[in-house]
PDB file of N, CA and C in Angstrom:
ATOM      1  N   UNK A   1     -43.005 -45.645  88.978  1.00  0.00           N
ATOM      2  CA  UNK A   1     -41.838 -46.122  89.732  1.00  0.00           C
ATOM      3  C   UNK A   1     -40.130 -45.858  89.383  1.00  0.00           C
ATOM      4  N   UNK A   2     -40.490 -44.852  87.903  1.00  0.00           N
ATOM      5  CA  UNK A   2     -39.797 -44.314  87.103  1.00  0.00           C
ATOM      6  C   UNK A   2     -39.974 -42.510  87.961  1.00  0.00           C
ATOM      7  N   UNK A   3     -41.000 -41.906  88.239  1.00  0.00           N
ATOM      8  CA  UNK A   3     -41.294 -40.858  88.908  1.00  0.00           C
ATOM      9  C   UNK A   3     -40.081 -40.869  90.315  1.00  0.00           C
ATOM     10  N   UNK A   4     -39.550 -42.030  91.155  1.00  0.00           N
ATOM     11  CA  UNK A   4     -39.474 -42.322  92.399  1.00  0.00           C
ATOM     12  C   UNK A   4     -37.837 -42.617  92.230  1.00  0.00           C
ATOM     13  N   UNK A   5     -37.459 -42.748  91.083  1.00  0.00           N
ATOM     14  CA  UNK A   5     -36.106 -43.029  91.062  1.00  0.00           C
ATOM     15  C   UNK A   5     -35.728 -44.550  90.937  1.00  0.00           C
ATOM     16  N   UNK A   6     -36.788 -45.414  90.294  1.00  0.00           N
ATOM     17  CA  UNK A   6     -36.466 -46.559  90.942  1.00  0.00           C
ATOM     18  C   UNK A   6     -36.121 -46.789  89.665  1.00  0.00           C
ATOM     19  N   UNK A   7     -36.252 -46.972  88.457  1.00  0.00           N
ATOM     20  CA  UNK A   7     -35.195 -48.011  87.549  1.00  0.00           C
ATOM     21  C   UNK A   7     -33.799 -47.454  86.912  1.00  0.00           C
ATOM     22  N   UNK A   8     -33.630 -48.252  85.878  1.00  0.00           N
ATOM     23  CA  UNK A   8     -32.505 -48.036  86.102  1.00  0.00           C
ATOM     24  C   UNK A   8     -32.222 -46.517  85.031  1.00  0.00           C
ATOM     25  N   UNK A   9     -31.680 -46.580  85.102  1.00  0.00           N
ATOM     26  CA  UNK A   9     -30.507 -45.455  84.468  1.00  0.00           C
ATOM     27  C   UNK A   9     -29.581 -45.687  82.849  1.00  0.00           C
ATOM     28  N   UNK A  10     -30.419 -44.943  81.930  1.00  0.00           N
ATOM     29  CA  UNK A  10     -30.023 -46.159  80.851  1.00  0.00           C
ATOM     30  C   UNK A  10     -29.273 -45.471  79.856  1.00  0.00           C
ATOM     31  N   UNK A  11     -28.201 -46.042  78.971  1.00  0.00           N
ATOM     32  CA  UNK A  11     -27.040 -45.521  78.492  1.00  0.00           C
ATOM     33  C   UNK A  11     -26.897 -46.386  77.059  1.00  0.00           C
ATOM     34  N   UNK A  12     -27.708 -45.864  76.275  1.00  0.00           N
ATOM     35  CA  UNK A  12     -27.668 -46.488  74.948  1.00  0.00           C
ATOM     36  C   UNK A  12     -27.544 -45.875  73.945  1.00  0.00           C
ATOM     37  N   UNK A  13     -26.858 -46.346  73.035  1.00  0.00           N
ATOM     38  CA  UNK A  13     -26.860 -45.894  71.420  1.00  0.00           C
ATOM     39  C   UNK A  13     -27.010 -46.576  70.505  1.00  0.00           C
ATOM     40  N   UNK A  14     -28.029 -46.438  69.478  1.00  0.00           N
ATOM     41  CA  UNK A  14     -28.495 -47.233  67.942  1.00  0.00           C
ATOM     42  C   UNK A  14     -28.836 -48.827  69.389  1.00  0.00           C
ATOM     43  N   UNK A  15     -28.496 -49.940  68.883  1.00  0.00           N
ATOM     44  CA  UNK A  15     -29.003 -51.405  68.898  1.00  0.00           C
ATOM     45  C   UNK A  15     -28.474 -51.808  70.002  1.00  0.00           C
ATOM     46  N   UNK A  16     -26.870 -51.289  70.636  1.00  0.00           N
ATOM     47  CA  UNK A  16     -26.963 -51.610  72.381  1.00  0.00           C
ATOM     48  C   UNK A  16     -27.486 -51.086  73.563  1.00  0.00           C
ATOM     49  N   UNK A  17     -28.216 -51.558  74.331  1.00  0.00           N
ATOM     50  CA  UNK A  17     -28.775 -51.453  75.431  1.00  0.00           C
ATOM     51  C   UNK A  17     -28.101 -51.448  76.602  1.00  0.00           C
ATOM     52  N   UNK A  18     -27.659 -50.633  77.408  1.00  0.00           N
ATOM     53  CA  UNK A  18     -26.555 -49.803  78.231  1.00  0.00           C
ATOM     54  C   UNK A  18     -27.759 -49.615  79.672  1.00  0.00           C
ATOM     55  N   UNK A  19     -27.724 -51.011  81.168  1.00  0.00           N
ATOM     56  CA  UNK A  19     -28.863 -50.329  82.035  1.00  0.00           C
ATOM     57  C   UNK A  19     -27.523 -49.995  83.315  1.00  0.00           C
ATOM     58  N   UNK A  20     -27.470 -49.400  83.697  1.00  0.00           N
ATOM     59  CA  UNK A  20     -26.991 -48.533  84.668  1.00  0.00           C
ATOM     60  C   UNK A  20     -27.677 -48.453  86.049  1.00  0.00           C
ATOM     61  N   UNK A  21     -27.371 -48.665  87.326  1.00  0.00           N
ATOM     62  CA  UNK A  21     -27.561 -48.071  88.281  1.00  0.00           C
ATOM     63  C   UNK A  21     -28.642 -47.278  88.891  1.00  0.00           C
ATOM     64  N   UNK A  22     -30.353 -47.427  89.480  1.00  0.00           N
ATOM     65  CA  UNK A  22     -30.858 -46.432  89.213  1.00  0.00           C
ATOM     66  C   UNK A  22     -30.592 -45.102  89.391  1.00  0.00           C
ATOM     67  N   UNK A  23     -31.924 -44.472  88.263  1.00  0.00           N
ATOM     68  CA  UNK A  23     -31.239 -43.177  88.618  1.00  0.00           C
ATOM     69  C   UNK A  23     -31.315 -42.426  89.915  1.00  0.00           C
ATOM     70  N   UNK A  24     -32.143 -42.711  91.266  1.00  0.00           N
ATOM     71  CA  UNK A  24     -32.346 -41.917  91.889  1.00  0.00           C
ATOM     72  C   UNK A  24     -32.890 -40.335  91.449  1.00  0.00           C
ATOM     73  N   UNK A  25     -33.900 -40.406  91.159  1.00  0.00           N
ATOM     74  CA  UNK A  25     -35.044 -38.694  91.067  1.00  0.00           C
ATOM     75  C   UNK A  25     -35.555 -39.252  91.698  1.00  0.00           C
ATOM     76  N   UNK A  26     -36.402 -38.158  91.767  1.00  0.00           N
ATOM     77  CA  UNK A  26     -37.540 -37.967  93.113  1.00  0.00           C
ATOM     78  C   UNK A  26     -37.878 -38.135  94.453  1.00  0.00           C
ATOM     79  N   UNK A  27     -38.614 -38.486  94.769  1.00  0.00           N
ATOM     80  CA  UNK A  27     -38.802 -38.400  95.910  1.00  0.00           C
ATOM     81  C   UNK A  27     -37.766 -39.314  97.526  1.00  0.00           C
ATOM     82  N   UNK A  28     -36.712 -38.505  98.208  1.00  0.00           N
ATOM     83  CA  UNK A  28     -35.892 -39.836  98.090  1.00  0.00           C
ATOM     84  C   UNK A  28     -36.920 -40.780  99.674  1.00  0.00           C
ATOM     85  N   UNK A  29     -37.116 -40.119  99.831  1.00  0.00           N
ATOM     86  CA  UNK A  29     -37.871 -40.581 101.644  1.00  0.00           C
ATOM     87  C   UNK A  29     -39.082 -41.724 101.373  1.00  0.00           C
ATOM     88  N   UNK A  30     -40.159 -41.488 100.142  1.00  0.00           N
ATOM     89  CA  UNK A  30     -40.865 -42.472  99.120  1.00  0.00           C
ATOM     90  C   UNK A  30     -39.765 -43.833  99.058  1.00  0.00           C
ATOM     91  N   UNK A  31     -38.283 -43.389  98.092  1.00  0.00           N
ATOM     92  CA  UNK A  31     -37.529 -44.271  97.583  1.00  0.00           C
ATOM     93  C   UNK A  31     -37.061 -45.230  98.516  1.00  0.00           C
ATOM     94  N   UNK A  32     -36.954 -44.685 100.246  1.00  0.00           N
ATOM     95  CA  UNK A  32     -35.843 -45.362 100.568  1.00  0.00           C
ATOM     96  C   UNK A  32     -37.617 -46.338 101.480  1.00  0.00           C
ATOM     97  N   UNK A  33     -38.180 -46.073 101.789  1.00  0.00           N
ATOM     98  CA  UNK A  33     -39.283 -46.320 102.787  1.00  0.00           C
ATOM     99  C   UNK A  33     -39.738 -47.646 101.790  1.00  0.00           C
ATOM    100  N   UNK A  34     -39.791 -47.945 100.579  1.00  0.00           N
ATOM    101  CA  UNK A  34     -40.295 -49.022  99.423  1.00  0.00           C
ATOM    102  C   UNK A  34     -39.085 -49.792  99.208  1.00  0.00           C
ATOM    103  N   UNK A  35     -38.023 -48.995  99.246  1.00  0.00           N
ATOM    104  CA  UNK A  35     -36.608 -49.845  99.404  1.00  0.00           C
ATOM    105  C   UNK A  35     -36.042 -50.935 101.244  1.00  0.00           C
ATOM    106  N   UNK A  36     -36.821 -50.331 101.763  1.00  0.00           N
ATOM    107  CA  UNK A  36     -36.632 -50.989 103.463  1.00  0.00           C
ATOM    108  C   UNK A  36     -38.224 -52.091 103.448  1.00  0.00           C
ATOM    109  N   UNK A  37     -38.752 -51.563 102.319  1.00  0.00           N
ATOM    110  CA  UNK A  37     -40.303 -52.688 102.443  1.00  0.00           C
ATOM    111  C   UNK A  37     -40.043 -53.718 101.302  1.00  0.00           C
ATOM    112  N   UNK A  38     -38.988 -53.557 100.734  1.00  0.00           N
ATOM    113  CA  UNK A  38     -38.571 -54.643  99.760  1.00  0.00           C
ATOM    114  C   UNK A  38     -37.746 -55.705 101.022  1.00  0.00           C
ATOM    115  N   UNK A  39     -37.133 -55.368 101.148  1.00  0.00           N
ATOM    116  CA  UNK A  39     -35.937 -55.590 101.500  1.00  0.00           C
ATOM    117  C   UNK A  39     -36.664 -56.452 102.641  1.00  0.00           C
ATOM    118  N   UNK A  40     -37.911 -56.550 104.212  1.00  0.00           N
ATOM    119  CA  UNK A  40     -38.309 -56.902 104.369  1.00  0.00           C
ATOM    120  C   UNK A  40     -39.383 -58.072 103.515  1.00  0.00           C
ATOM    121  N   UNK A  41     -39.457 -57.403 102.735  1.00  0.00           N
ATOM    122  CA  UNK A  41     -40.327 -58.971 101.984  1.00  0.00           C
ATOM    123  C   UNK A  41     -39.187 -60.013 101.389  1.00  0.00           C
ATOM    124  N   UNK A  42     -38.460 -59.585 101.014  1.00  0.00           N
ATOM    125  CA  UNK A  42     -37.499 -60.686 101.064  1.00  0.00           C
ATOM    126  C   UNK A  42     -37.074 -61.759 101.705  1.00  0.00           C
ATOM    127  N   UNK A  43     -36.230 -60.767 102.892  1.00  0.00           N
ATOM    128  CA  UNK A  43     -36.419 -61.686 103.672  1.00  0.00           C
ATOM    129  C   UNK A  43     -37.048 -62.472 103.905  1.00  0.00           C
ATOM    130  N   UNK A  44     -38.769 -62.194 104.451  1.00  0.00           N
ATOM    131  CA  UNK A  44     -39.841 -63.230 105.200  1.00  0.00           C
ATOM    132  C   UNK A  44     -39.909 -63.731 103.864  1.00  0.00           C
ATOM    133  N   UNK A  45     -39.684 -63.917 102.878  1.00  0.00           N
ATOM    134  CA  UNK A  45     -40.051 -64.731 101.452  1.00  0.00           C
ATOM    135  C   UNK A  45     -38.895 -65.819 101.870  1.00  0.00           C
ATOM    136  N   UNK A  46     -37.771 -65.440 101.681  1.00  0.00           N
ATOM    137  CA  UNK A  46     -36.373 -66.286 102.407  1.00  0.00           C
ATOM    138  C   UNK A  46     -36.689 -67.334 103.578  1.00  0.00           C
ATOM    139  N   UNK A  47     -37.636 -66.613 105.072  1.00  0.00           N
ATOM    140  CA  UNK A  47     -37.572 -67.096 106.044  1.00  0.00           C
ATOM    141  C   UNK A  47     -38.599 -68.234 105.785  1.00  0.00           C
ATOM    142  N   UNK A  48     -39.694 -67.907 105.300  1.00  0.00           N
ATOM    143  CA  UNK A  48     -40.920 -69.042 104.671  1.00  0.00           C
ATOM    144  C   UNK A  48     -39.925 -70.031 103.988  1.00  0.00           C
ATOM    145  N   UNK A  49     -39.381 -69.405 103.193  1.00  0.00           N
ATOM    146  CA  UNK A  49     -38.496 -70.811 101.885  1.00  0.00           C
ATOM    147  C   UNK A  49     -37.893 -71.952 102.740  1.00  0.00           C
ATOM    148  N   UNK A  50     -37.097 -71.337 103.467  1.00  0.00           N
ATOM    149  CA  UNK A  50     -36.737 -72.492 104.378  1.00  0.00           C
ATOM    150  C   UNK A  50     -37.285 -72.718 105.187  1.00  0.00           C
ATOM    151  N   UNK A  51     -38.291 -72.669 106.107  1.00  0.00           N
ATOM    152  CA  UNK A  51     -39.463 -72.954 106.586  1.00  0.00           C
ATOM    153  C   UNK A  51     -41.107 -74.045 106.296  1.00  0.00           C
ATOM    154  N   UNK A  52     -40.542 -74.404 104.660  1.00  0.00           N
ATOM    155  CA  UNK A  52     -41.525 -74.630 104.146  1.00  0.00           C
ATOM    156  C   UNK A  52     -42.839 -74.593 103.909  1.00  0.00           C
ATOM    157  N   UNK A  53     -43.005 -73.609 103.704  1.00  0.00           N
ATOM    158  CA  UNK A  53     -44.360 -72.567 104.329  1.00  0.00           C
ATOM    159  C   UNK A  53     -44.316 -72.726 103.122  1.00  0.00           C
ATOM    160  N   UNK A  54     -46.176 -72.384 102.452  1.00  0.00           N
ATOM    161  CA  UNK A  54     -47.074 -71.470 100.608  1.00  0.00           C
ATOM    162  C   UNK A  54     -46.030 -70.498 100.763  1.00  0.00           C
ATOM    163  N   UNK A  55     -45.236 -69.972  99.365  1.00  0.00           N
ATOM    164  CA  UNK A  55     -45.347 -68.599  98.874  1.00  0.00           C
ATOM    165  C   UNK A  55     -46.132 -68.436  98.076  1.00  0.00           C
ATOM    166  N   UNK A  56     -46.345 -67.433  97.807  1.00  0.00           N
ATOM    167  CA  UNK A  56     -47.174 -67.056  96.474  1.00  0.00           C
ATOM    168  C   UNK A  56     -46.265 -66.213  95.157  1.00  0.00           C
ATOM    169  N   UNK A  57     -47.116 -65.875  94.661  1.00  0.00           N
ATOM    170  CA  UNK A  57     -46.685 -65.662  92.823  1.00  0.00           C
ATOM    171  C   UNK A  57     -45.439 -64.524  93.290  1.00  0.00           C
ATOM    172  N   UNK A  58     -45.518 -63.526  94.237  1.00  0.00           N
ATOM    173  CA  UNK A  58     -44.263 -62.548  93.863  1.00  0.00           C
ATOM    174  C   UNK A  58     -43.200 -62.252  94.846  1.00  0.00           C
ATOM    175  N   UNK A  59     -43.750 -63.564  95.619  1.00  0.00           N
ATOM    176  CA  UNK A  59     -42.605 -64.095  96.511  1.00  0.00           C
ATOM    177  C   UNK A  59     -41.682 -65.263  96.183  1.00  0.00           C
ATOM    178  N   UNK A  60     -42.301 -66.016  95.407  1.00  0.00           N
ATOM    179  CA  UNK A  60     -41.243 -66.904  94.151  1.00  0.00           C
ATOM    180  C   UNK A  60     -40.595 -66.349  93.025  1.00  0.00           C
ATOM    181  N   UNK A  61     -40.817 -65.037  93.127  1.00  0.00           N
ATOM    182  CA  UNK A  61     -40.793 -64.572  91.802  1.00  0.00           C
ATOM    183  C   UNK A  61     -39.496 -63.545  92.334  1.00  0.00           C
ATOM    184  N   UNK A  62     -39.186 -62.576  93.011  1.00  0.00           N
ATOM    185  CA  UNK A  62     -38.021 -62.125  94.170  1.00  0.00           C
ATOM    186  C   UNK A  62     -36.956 -63.232  94.372  1.00  0.00           C
ATOM    187  N   UNK A  63     -37.907 -64.355  95.222  1.00  0.00           N
ATOM    188  CA  UNK A  63     -36.471 -65.718  95.170  1.00  0.00           C
ATOM    189  C   UNK A  63     -35.986 -66.026  93.903  1.00  0.00           C
ATOM    190  N   UNK A  64     -36.583 -66.215  93.159  1.00  0.00           N
ATOM    191  CA  UNK A  64     -36.146 -66.672  92.164  1.00  0.00           C
ATOM    192  C   UNK A  64     -34.641 -65.623  90.722  1.00  0.00           C
ATOM    193  N   UNK A  65     -35.893 -64.337  90.927  1.00  0.00           N
ATOM    194  CA  UNK A  65     -34.280 -62.747  91.336  1.00  0.00           C
ATOM    195  C   UNK A  65     -33.002 -63.293  91.964  1.00  0.00           C
ATOM    196  N   UNK A  66     -33.436 -63.575  92.869  1.00  0.00           N
ATOM    197  CA  UNK A  66     -32.413 -63.158  94.411  1.00  0.00           C
ATOM    198  C   UNK A  66     -31.740 -64.089  93.706  1.00  0.00           C
ATOM    199  N   UNK A  67     -31.688 -65.635  93.394  1.00  0.00           N
ATOM    200  CA  UNK A  67     -31.134 -66.579  93.094  1.00  0.00           C
ATOM    201  C   UNK A  67     -30.056 -66.355  92.326  1.00  0.00           C
ATOM    202  N   UNK A  68     -30.774 -65.441  90.453  1.00  0.00           N
ATOM    203  CA  UNK A  68     -30.057 -65.406  89.470  1.00  0.00           C
ATOM    204  C   UNK A  68     -29.118 -64.155  89.507  1.00  0.00           C
ATOM    205  N   UNK A  69     -29.322 -62.801  90.942  1.00  0.00           N
ATOM    206  CA  UNK A  69     -28.159 -62.063  90.883  1.00  0.00           C
ATOM    207  C   UNK A  69     -28.550 -61.832  92.342  1.00  0.00           C
ATOM    208  N   UNK A  70     -27.405 -59.816  92.553  1.00  0.00           N
ATOM    209  CA  UNK A  70     -27.197 -60.594  94.459  1.00  0.00           C
ATOM    210  C   UNK A  70     -28.229 -59.758  95.092  1.00  0.00           C
ATOM    211  N   UNK A  71     -28.441 -59.758  96.530  1.00  0.00           N
ATOM    212  CA  UNK A  71     -29.510 -59.492  97.071  1.00  0.00           C
ATOM    213  C   UNK A  71     -30.575 -57.486  96.744  1.00  0.00           C
ATOM    214  N   UNK A  72     -28.852 -56.673  96.821  1.00  0.00           N
ATOM    215  CA  UNK A  72     -29.590 -55.528  96.672  1.00  0.00           C
ATOM    216  C   UNK A  72     -29.710 -54.803  95.104  1.00  0.00           C
ATOM    217  N   UNK A  73     -29.995 -55.792  94.056  1.00  0.00           N
ATOM    218  CA  UNK A  73     -30.432 -55.355  93.004  1.00  0.00           C
ATOM    219  C   UNK A  73     -31.287 -55.883  93.149  1.00  0.00           C
ATOM    220  N   UNK A  74     -32.405 -57.442  93.228  1.00  0.00           N
ATOM    221  CA  UNK A  74     -33.307 -58.173  93.605  1.00  0.00           C
ATOM    222  C   UNK A  74     -34.371 -57.433  94.260  1.00  0.00           C
ATOM    223  N   UNK A  75     -33.741 -56.792  95.678  1.00  0.00           N
ATOM    224  CA  UNK A  75     -34.379 -55.169  96.164  1.00  0.00           C
ATOM    225  C   UNK A  75     -34.293 -54.181  95.565  1.00  0.00           C
ATOM    226  N   UNK A  76     -34.275 -53.563  94.464  1.00  0.00           N
ATOM    227  CA  UNK A  76     -34.109 -52.681  93.722  1.00  0.00           C
ATOM    228  C   UNK A  76     -34.860 -52.848  93.435  1.00  0.00           C
ATOM    229  N   UNK A  77     -35.056 -54.523  92.361  1.00  0.00           N
ATOM    230  CA  UNK A  77     -36.444 -54.302  91.484  1.00  0.00           C
ATOM    231  C   UNK A  77     -37.557 -54.619  92.071  1.00  0.00           C
ATOM    232  N   UNK A  78     -37.502 -55.179  93.180  1.00  0.00           N
ATOM    233  CA  UNK A  78     -38.661 -55.584  94.192  1.00  0.00           C
ATOM    234  C   UNK A  78     -39.383 -54.125  94.175  1.00  0.00           C
ATOM    235  N   UNK A  79     -38.287 -53.632  94.544  1.00  0.00           N
ATOM    236  CA  UNK A  79     -39.234 -52.270  95.292  1.00  0.00           C
ATOM    237  C   UNK A  79     -39.688 -51.534  93.844  1.00  0.00           C
ATOM    238  N   UNK A  80     -39.022 -51.984  92.582  1.00  0.00           N
ATOM    239  CA  UNK A  80     -39.237 -51.030  91.039  1.00  0.00           C
ATOM    240  C   UNK A  80     -40.769 -51.906  91.363  1.00  0.00           C
ATOM    241  N   UNK A  81     -41.487 -52.982  91.447  1.00  0.00           N
ATOM    242  CA  UNK A  81     -42.516 -53.667  91.137  1.00  0.00           C
ATOM    243  C   UNK A  81     -43.601 -53.377  92.300  1.00  0.00           C
ATOM    244  N   UNK A  82     -43.144 -53.329  93.320  1.00  0.00           N
ATOM    245  CA  UNK A  82     -43.994 -52.076  94.110  1.00  0.00           C
ATOM    246  C   UNK A  82     -44.473 -51.194  94.392  1.00  0.00           C
ATOM    247  N   UNK A  83     -43.466 -50.370  93.752  1.00  0.00           N
ATOM    248  CA  UNK A  83     -43.994 -48.809  93.236  1.00  0.00           C
ATOM    249  C   UNK A  83     -44.958 -49.038  91.680  1.00  0.00           C
ATOM    250  N   UNK A  84     -44.726 -49.309  90.622  1.00  0.00           N
ATOM    251  CA  UNK A  84     -45.967 -50.405  89.859  1.00  0.00           C
ATOM    252  C   UNK A  84     -46.863 -51.275  90.608  1.00  0.00           C
ATOM    253  N   UNK A  85     -47.073 -51.671  91.593  1.00  0.00           N
ATOM    254  CA  UNK A  85     -48.651 -52.491  91.965  1.00  0.00           C
ATOM    255  C   UNK A  85     -49.119 -51.293  92.577  1.00  0.00           C
ATOM    256  N   UNK A  86     -47.982 -50.425  93.452  1.00  0.00           N
ATOM    257  CA  UNK A  86     -49.577 -49.438  94.191  1.00  0.00           C
ATOM    258  C   UNK A  86     -49.557 -48.154  93.613  1.00  0.00           C
ATOM    259  N   UNK A  87     -49.320 -47.999  92.428  1.00  0.00           N
ATOM    260  CA  UNK A  87     -49.597 -47.535  91.411  1.00  0.00           C
ATOM    261  C   UNK A  87     -50.745 -48.135  90.884  1.00  0.00           C
ATOM    262  N   UNK A  88     -50.391 -49.058  90.593  1.00  0.00           N
ATOM    263  CA  UNK A  88     -51.809 -49.756  89.029  1.00  0.00           C
ATOM    264  C   UNK A  88     -53.554 -49.637  90.466  1.00  0.00           C
ATOM    265  N   UNK A  89     -52.696 -50.583  91.761  1.00  0.00           N
ATOM    266  CA  UNK A  89     -54.113 -50.096  92.610  1.00  0.00           C
ATOM    267  C   UNK A  89     -54.427 -49.108  93.149  1.00  0.00           C
ATOM    268  N   UNK A  90     -53.450 -47.923  93.346  1.00  0.00           N
ATOM    269  CA  UNK A  90     -54.386 -47.002  93.019  1.00  0.00           C
ATOM    270  C   UNK A  90     -54.932 -46.337  92.209  1.00  0.00           C
ATOM    271  N   UNK A  91     -54.992 -46.201  91.649  1.00  0.00           N
ATOM    272  CA  UNK A  91     -55.330 -45.972  89.674  1.00  0.00           C
ATOM    273  C   UNK A  91     -56.496 -46.191  89.253  1.00  0.00           C
ATOM    274  N   UNK A  92     -56.634 -47.878  89.951  1.00  0.00           N
ATOM    275  CA  UNK A  92     -57.229 -48.451  88.961  1.00  0.00           C
ATOM    276  C   UNK A  92     -58.547 -48.913  90.197  1.00  0.00           C
ATOM    277  N   UNK A  93     -57.943 -48.213  91.519  1.00  0.00           N
ATOM    278  CA  UNK A  93     -59.049 -48.815  92.505  1.00  0.00           C
ATOM    279  C   UNK A  93     -59.339 -49.817  93.051  1.00  0.00           C
ATOM    280  N   UNK A  94     -57.950 -51.246  92.884  1.00  0.00           N
ATOM    281  CA  UNK A  94     -58.617 -52.391  93.129  1.00  0.00           C
ATOM    282  C   UNK A  94     -57.783 -52.908  94.499  1.00  0.00           C
ATOM    283  N   UNK A  95     -57.971 -54.023  94.380  1.00  0.00           N
ATOM    284  CA  UNK A  95     -57.935 -54.305  94.996  1.00  0.00           C
ATOM    285  C   UNK A  95     -56.369 -55.379  94.756  1.00  0.00           C
ATOM    286  N   UNK A  96     -54.786 -55.331  96.311  1.00  0.00           N
ATOM    287  CA  UNK A  96     -54.220 -55.734  95.301  1.00  0.00           C
ATOM    288  C   UNK A  96     -54.375 -57.620  95.931  1.00  0.00           C
ATOM    289  N   UNK A  97     -54.128 -58.309  94.495  1.00  0.00           N
ATOM    290  CA  UNK A  97     -54.028 -59.850  94.350  1.00  0.00           C
ATOM    291  C   UNK A  97     -51.900 -59.653  93.964  1.00  0.00           C
ATOM    292  N   UNK A  98     -51.617 -61.154  95.255  1.00  0.00           N
ATOM    293  CA  UNK A  98     -50.347 -61.678  94.593  1.00  0.00           C
ATOM    294  C   UNK A  98     -49.605 -62.736  93.894  1.00  0.00           C
ATOM    295  N   UNK A  99     -51.112 -63.006  94.318  1.00  0.00           N
ATOM    296  CA  UNK A  99     -50.413 -63.558  93.242  1.00  0.00           C
ATOM    297  C   UNK A  99     -50.371 -63.208  91.447  1.00  0.00           C
ATOM    298  N   UNK A 100     -51.396 -62.382  91.000  1.00  0.00           N
ATOM    299  CA  UNK A 100     -51.369 -61.891  89.673  1.00  0.00           C
ATOM    300  C   UNK A 100     -50.282 -61.095  89.578  1.00  0.00           C
ATOM    301  N   UNK A 101     -49.391 -60.680  90.834  1.00  0.00           N
ATOM    302  CA  UNK A 101     -48.540 -59.429  90.245  1.00  0.00           C
ATOM    303  C   UNK A 101     -47.301 -59.781  89.756  1.00  0.00           C
ATOM    304  N   UNK A 102     -47.086 -61.682  89.974  1.00  0.00           N
ATOM    305  CA  UNK A 102     -46.043 -61.470  89.721  1.00  0.00           C
ATOM    306  C   UNK A 102     -45.458 -61.511  88.225  1.00  0.00           C
ATOM    307  N   UNK A 103     -46.632 -62.035  87.250  1.00  0.00           N
ATOM    308  CA  UNK A 103     -47.342 -61.512  85.974  1.00  0.00           C
ATOM    309  C   UNK A 103     -46.775 -60.173  85.532  1.00  0.00           C
ATOM    310  N   UNK A 104     -46.988 -59.433  85.906  1.00  0.00           N
ATOM    311  CA  UNK A 104     -47.391 -58.695  85.355  1.00  0.00           C
ATOM    312  C   UNK A 104     -46.094 -56.875  84.859  1.00  0.00           C
TER     313      UNK A 104
END
């Protein structure tokens, strides 16, 4: 996620940690695809919640995050998490389980 520019830019000194916006480094196209995918996941999770359908752990996590912050920050955080999930499944050769994704 850091290589794609989906992590917050950090301006810290000593014990004070200040996080800014995403760094926007790396491949713009892949970052755009992950952001659009995250936006679609967030929209679908909201639709499923309103319809009273069961949500998996990742959908519950992103909806709880959206409650605490705004839509765009939740989208960026989900894109970051999706990038990390994609890397981990590729690196370890495992199958993605959405119920374990939020625990990571």
